[in-house]
Amino acid sequence: MPPSDPATSERLRRLRSLAWFLDNSIPLPGGWRIGVDALIGLIPGIGDAVGAVVSAYIINEARALGAPRSVLLRMSWNVMIDTILGAIPFAGDIFDAAYKANMKNLALLERYQLDPVGARRSSRAFVFGFSLLLLLLVAAMIAIPVLVVILIVQLF
């Protein structure tokens, strides 16, 4: 749906409000802002999972608004990083407050709404680069043990 469609505009307005509530709604001294997501993340065991579920709602709305897979994958990456690193005690809570995955995802969705071709292109480049990095890591995980075994065998 085009951004000028009233239903799309209303949906985007609600998502902006939700992302702001989750990531920027609480002012702190020094001009910093955190959101409810950072506070929920303080609850041991379930806080980050609850935050991820709420963040998944934004991704689902982006899907309903027609965002392509590449944009949805990039949004999912933001939530995954936020959830995994946010689960680290103390340091993860600070990361969670600073990373603001929901605001990043809103920006990705709004960019897609304004420039679908450009957003799709940059998201595809991100997905391609990430896939290449993952492939290199897997190759290294296989190659390093093989090289170690070869070196050990050569010693005997």
C-alpha atoms as a PDB file:
ATOM      1  CA  MET A   1       0.000   0.000   0.000  1.00  0.00           C
ATOM      2  CA  PRO A   2       1.278   3.491  -0.764  1.00  0.00           C
ATOM      3  CA  PRO A   3       2.057   5.747   2.222  1.00  0.00           C
ATOM      4  CA  SER A   4      -0.714   8.152   1.112  1.00  0.00           C
ATOM      5  CA  ASP A   5      -3.359   5.506   1.805  1.00  0.00           C
ATOM      6  CA  PRO A   6      -5.203   6.498   5.043  1.00  0.00           C
ATOM      7  CA  ALA A   7      -5.080   2.953   6.451  1.00  0.00           C
ATOM      8  CA  THR A   8      -1.327   2.753   5.796  1.00  0.00           C
ATOM      9  CA  SER A   9      -0.758   6.193   7.310  1.00  0.00           C
ATOM     10  CA  GLU A  10      -2.683   5.189  10.439  1.00  0.00           C
ATOM     11  CA  ARG A  11      -0.756   1.932  10.717  1.00  0.00           C
ATOM     12  CA  LEU A  12       2.562   3.785  10.396  1.00  0.00           C
ATOM     13  CA  ARG A  13       1.441   6.318  13.024  1.00  0.00           C
ATOM     14  CA  ARG A  14       0.640   3.481  15.458  1.00  0.00           C
ATOM     15  CA  LEU A  15       3.991   1.814  14.739  1.00  0.00           C
ATOM     16  CA  ARG A  16       5.819   5.124  15.303  1.00  0.00           C
ATOM     17  CA  SER A  17       4.067   5.470  18.664  1.00  0.00           C
ATOM     18  CA  LEU A  18       4.871   1.885  19.635  1.00  0.00           C
ATOM     19  CA  ALA A  19       8.544   2.157  18.621  1.00  0.00           C
ATOM     20  CA  TRP A  20       8.851   5.445  20.535  1.00  0.00           C
ATOM     21  CA  PHE A  21       7.190   3.890  23.607  1.00  0.00           C
ATOM     22  CA  LEU A  22       9.489   0.861  23.467  1.00  0.00           C
ATOM     23  CA  ASP A  23      12.752   2.727  22.789  1.00  0.00           C
ATOM     24  CA  ASN A  24      12.523   6.452  23.684  1.00  0.00           C
ATOM     25  CA  SER A  25       9.592   7.215  25.999  1.00  0.00           C
ATOM     26  CA  ILE A  26      11.523   7.742  29.250  1.00  0.00           C
ATOM     27  CA  PRO A  27      13.787  10.804  29.504  1.00  0.00           C
ATOM     28  CA  LEU A  28      16.993  10.513  31.523  1.00  0.00           C
ATOM     29  CA  PRO A  29      19.374  13.207  32.740  1.00  0.00           C
ATOM     30  CA  GLY A  30      21.824  14.417  30.122  1.00  0.00           C
ATOM     31  CA  GLY A  31      19.371  14.175  27.236  1.00  0.00           C
ATOM     32  CA  TRP A  32      19.425  10.383  27.054  1.00  0.00           C
ATOM     33  CA  ARG A  33      16.199   8.492  26.508  1.00  0.00           C
ATOM     34  CA  ILE A  34      15.298   4.878  27.101  1.00  0.00           C
ATOM     35  CA  GLY A  35      12.080   3.027  26.549  1.00  0.00           C
ATOM     36  CA  VAL A  36       9.905   0.454  28.199  1.00  0.00           C
ATOM     37  CA  ASP A  37      11.753  -2.295  26.290  1.00  0.00           C
ATOM     38  CA  ALA A  38      14.902  -1.557  28.309  1.00  0.00           C
ATOM     39  CA  LEU A  39      12.924  -1.774  31.569  1.00  0.00           C
ATOM     40  CA  ILE A  40      11.188  -5.008  30.552  1.00  0.00           C
ATOM     41  CA  GLY A  41      14.629  -6.417  29.711  1.00  0.00           C
ATOM     42  CA  LEU A  42      15.614  -6.055  33.372  1.00  0.00           C
ATOM     43  CA  ILE A  43      13.216  -8.872  34.323  1.00  0.00           C
ATOM     44  CA  PRO A  44      15.413 -11.979  34.588  1.00  0.00           C
ATOM     45  CA  GLY A  45      14.533 -14.873  32.327  1.00  0.00           C
ATOM     46  CA  ILE A  46      11.543 -13.481  30.480  1.00  0.00           C
ATOM     47  CA  GLY A  47      12.182  -9.771  29.972  1.00  0.00           C
ATOM     48  CA  ASP A  48      14.119 -10.025  26.723  1.00  0.00           C
ATOM     49  CA  ALA A  49      11.734 -12.661  25.358  1.00  0.00           C
ATOM     50  CA  VAL A  50       8.741 -10.403  26.023  1.00  0.00           C
ATOM     51  CA  GLY A  51      10.556  -7.530  24.328  1.00  0.00           C
ATOM     52  CA  ALA A  52      11.280  -9.727  21.302  1.00  0.00           C
ATOM     53  CA  VAL A  53       7.620 -10.731  20.998  1.00  0.00           C
ATOM     54  CA  VAL A  54       6.501  -7.097  21.030  1.00  0.00           C
ATOM     55  CA  SER A  55       9.231  -6.228  18.503  1.00  0.00           C
ATOM     56  CA  ALA A  56       8.004  -9.077  16.300  1.00  0.00           C
ATOM     57  CA  TYR A  57       4.666  -7.257  16.080  1.00  0.00           C
ATOM     58  CA  ILE A  58       6.400  -4.373  14.288  1.00  0.00           C
ATOM     59  CA  ILE A  59       7.976  -6.836  11.845  1.00  0.00           C
ATOM     60  CA  ASN A  60       4.599  -8.474  11.240  1.00  0.00           C
ATOM     61  CA  GLU A  61       3.024  -5.092  10.546  1.00  0.00           C
ATOM     62  CA  ALA A  62       5.859  -4.328   8.108  1.00  0.00           C
ATOM     63  CA  ARG A  63       5.062  -7.609   6.354  1.00  0.00           C
ATOM     64  CA  ALA A  64       1.396  -6.649   6.183  1.00  0.00           C
ATOM     65  CA  LEU A  65       2.412  -3.289   4.685  1.00  0.00           C
ATOM     66  CA  GLY A  66       4.229  -5.116   1.892  1.00  0.00           C
ATOM     67  CA  ALA A  67       7.861  -4.817   2.990  1.00  0.00           C
ATOM     68  CA  PRO A  68      10.021  -7.254   0.995  1.00  0.00           C
ATOM     69  CA  ARG A  69      11.812 -10.219   2.539  1.00  0.00           C
ATOM     70  CA  SER A  70      15.160  -8.432   2.491  1.00  0.00           C
ATOM     71  CA  VAL A  71      13.780  -5.599   4.655  1.00  0.00           C
ATOM     72  CA  LEU A  72      12.014  -8.086   6.952  1.00  0.00           C
ATOM     73  CA  LEU A  73      15.253 -10.081   7.347  1.00  0.00           C
ATOM     74  CA  ARG A  74      17.133  -6.925   8.232  1.00  0.00           C
ATOM     75  CA  MET A  75      14.460  -6.017  10.782  1.00  0.00           C
ATOM     76  CA  SER A  76      14.610  -9.548  12.222  1.00  0.00           C
ATOM     77  CA  TRP A  77      18.392  -9.215  12.500  1.00  0.00           C
ATOM     78  CA  ASN A  78      17.945  -6.053  14.598  1.00  0.00           C
ATOM     79  CA  VAL A  79      15.539  -7.824  16.962  1.00  0.00           C
ATOM     80  CA  MET A  80      17.773 -10.906  17.178  1.00  0.00           C
ATOM     81  CA  ILE A  81      20.843  -8.812  18.075  1.00  0.00           C
ATOM     82  CA  ASP A  82      18.803  -6.822  20.604  1.00  0.00           C
ATOM     83  CA  THR A  83      17.439 -10.006  22.199  1.00  0.00           C
ATOM     84  CA  ILE A  84      20.661 -12.030  22.292  1.00  0.00           C
ATOM     85  CA  LEU A  85      22.977  -9.262  23.470  1.00  0.00           C
ATOM     86  CA  GLY A  86      20.283  -7.826  25.740  1.00  0.00           C
ATOM     87  CA  ALA A  87      20.176 -11.144  27.613  1.00  0.00           C
ATOM     88  CA  ILE A  88      23.738 -10.658  28.909  1.00  0.00           C
ATOM     89  CA  PRO A  89      23.416  -9.571  32.546  1.00  0.00           C
ATOM     90  CA  PHE A  90      23.992  -5.859  33.183  1.00  0.00           C
ATOM     91  CA  ALA A  91      26.018  -5.086  30.012  1.00  0.00           C
ATOM     92  CA  GLY A  92      23.147  -6.414  27.912  1.00  0.00           C
ATOM     93  CA  ASP A  93      20.701  -4.101  29.641  1.00  0.00           C
ATOM     94  CA  ILE A  94      22.887  -1.107  28.790  1.00  0.00           C
ATOM     95  CA  PHE A  95      23.188  -2.362  25.202  1.00  0.00           C
ATOM     96  CA  ASP A  96      19.421  -2.848  25.028  1.00  0.00           C
ATOM     97  CA  ALA A  97      18.804   0.746  26.115  1.00  0.00           C
ATOM     98  CA  ALA A  98      21.266   2.119  23.551  1.00  0.00           C
ATOM     99  CA  TYR A  99      20.619  -0.119  20.508  1.00  0.00           C
ATOM    100  CA  LYS A 100      16.927   0.808  19.998  1.00  0.00           C
ATOM    101  CA  ALA A 101      16.037  -2.003  17.589  1.00  0.00           C
ATOM    102  CA  ASN A 102      12.421  -0.870  17.266  1.00  0.00           C
ATOM    103  CA  MET A 103      13.385   2.635  16.146  1.00  0.00           C
ATOM    104  CA  LYS A 104      15.857   1.104  13.669  1.00  0.00           C
ATOM    105  CA  ASN A 105      13.104  -1.133  12.330  1.00  0.00           C
ATOM    106  CA  LEU A 106      10.676   1.758  12.044  1.00  0.00           C
ATOM    107  CA  ALA A 107      13.305   3.691  10.062  1.00  0.00           C
ATOM    108  CA  LEU A 108      13.764   0.695   7.736  1.00  0.00           C
ATOM    109  CA  LEU A 109      10.003   0.471   7.183  1.00  0.00           C
ATOM    110  CA  GLU A 110       9.635   4.210   6.600  1.00  0.00           C
ATOM    111  CA  ARG A 111      12.554   4.168   4.180  1.00  0.00           C
ATOM    112  CA  TYR A 112      10.870   1.326   2.307  1.00  0.00           C
ATOM    113  CA  GLN A 113       7.621   3.316   2.188  1.00  0.00           C
ATOM    114  CA  LEU A 114       9.416   6.392   0.780  1.00  0.00           C
ATOM    115  CA  ASP A 115      11.922   4.649  -1.522  1.00  0.00           C
ATOM    116  CA  PRO A 116      11.018   0.990  -2.106  1.00  0.00           C
ATOM    117  CA  VAL A 117      13.763   0.394  -4.679  1.00  0.00           C
ATOM    118  CA  GLY A 118      16.523   1.990  -2.590  1.00  0.00           C
ATOM    119  CA  ALA A 119      15.417   0.271   0.615  1.00  0.00           C
ATOM    120  CA  ARG A 120      15.187  -3.083  -1.128  1.00  0.00           C
ATOM    121  CA  ARG A 121      18.636  -2.597  -2.676  1.00  0.00           C
ATOM    122  CA  SER A 122      20.364  -1.641   0.597  1.00  0.00           C
ATOM    123  CA  SER A 123      18.594  -4.407   2.518  1.00  0.00           C
ATOM    124  CA  ARG A 124      19.577  -6.964  -0.116  1.00  0.00           C
ATOM    125  CA  ALA A 125      23.174  -5.759   0.126  1.00  0.00           C
ATOM    126  CA  PHE A 126      23.017  -6.182   3.908  1.00  0.00           C
ATOM    127  CA  VAL A 127      21.529  -9.685   3.634  1.00  0.00           C
ATOM    128  CA  PHE A 128      24.117 -10.647   0.993  1.00  0.00           C
ATOM    129  CA  GLY A 129      26.997  -9.294   3.103  1.00  0.00           C
ATOM    130  CA  PHE A 130      25.716 -11.010   6.216  1.00  0.00           C
ATOM    131  CA  SER A 131      25.256 -14.299   4.346  1.00  0.00           C
ATOM    132  CA  LEU A 132      28.796 -14.041   2.983  1.00  0.00           C
ATOM    133  CA  LEU A 133      30.157 -13.367   6.471  1.00  0.00           C
ATOM    134  CA  LEU A 134      28.230 -16.346   7.832  1.00  0.00           C
ATOM    135  CA  LEU A 135      29.590 -18.548   5.044  1.00  0.00           C
ATOM    136  CA  LEU A 136      33.151 -17.424   5.813  1.00  0.00           C
ATOM    137  CA  LEU A 137      32.664 -18.141   9.519  1.00  0.00           C
ATOM    138  CA  VAL A 138      31.366 -21.639   8.776  1.00  0.00           C
ATOM    139  CA  ALA A 139      34.290 -22.237   6.400  1.00  0.00           C
ATOM    140  CA  ALA A 140      36.719 -21.074   9.100  1.00  0.00           C
ATOM    141  CA  MET A 141      35.043 -23.334  11.675  1.00  0.00           C
ATOM    142  CA  ILE A 142      35.666 -26.271   9.348  1.00  0.00           C
ATOM    143  CA  ALA A 143      39.108 -25.262   8.046  1.00  0.00           C
ATOM    144  CA  ILE A 144      40.764 -24.441  11.375  1.00  0.00           C
ATOM    145  CA  PRO A 145      40.166 -27.843  13.027  1.00  0.00           C
ATOM    146  CA  VAL A 146      41.222 -29.605   9.805  1.00  0.00           C
ATOM    147  CA  LEU A 147      44.455 -27.597   9.732  1.00  0.00           C
ATOM    148  CA  VAL A 148      45.105 -28.341  13.410  1.00  0.00           C
ATOM    149  CA  VAL A 149      44.631 -32.079  12.801  1.00  0.00           C
ATOM    150  CA  ILE A 150      46.970 -31.944   9.788  1.00  0.00           C
ATOM    151  CA  LEU A 151      49.631 -30.157  11.852  1.00  0.00           C
ATOM    152  CA  ILE A 152      49.298 -32.668  14.693  1.00  0.00           C
ATOM    153  CA  VAL A 153      49.552 -35.610  12.266  1.00  0.00           C
ATOM    154  CA  GLN A 154      52.685 -34.099  10.691  1.00  0.00           C
ATOM    155  CA  LEU A 155      54.333 -33.906  14.107  1.00  0.00           C
ATOM    156  CA  PHE A 156      54.096 -37.684  14.518  1.00  0.00           C
END
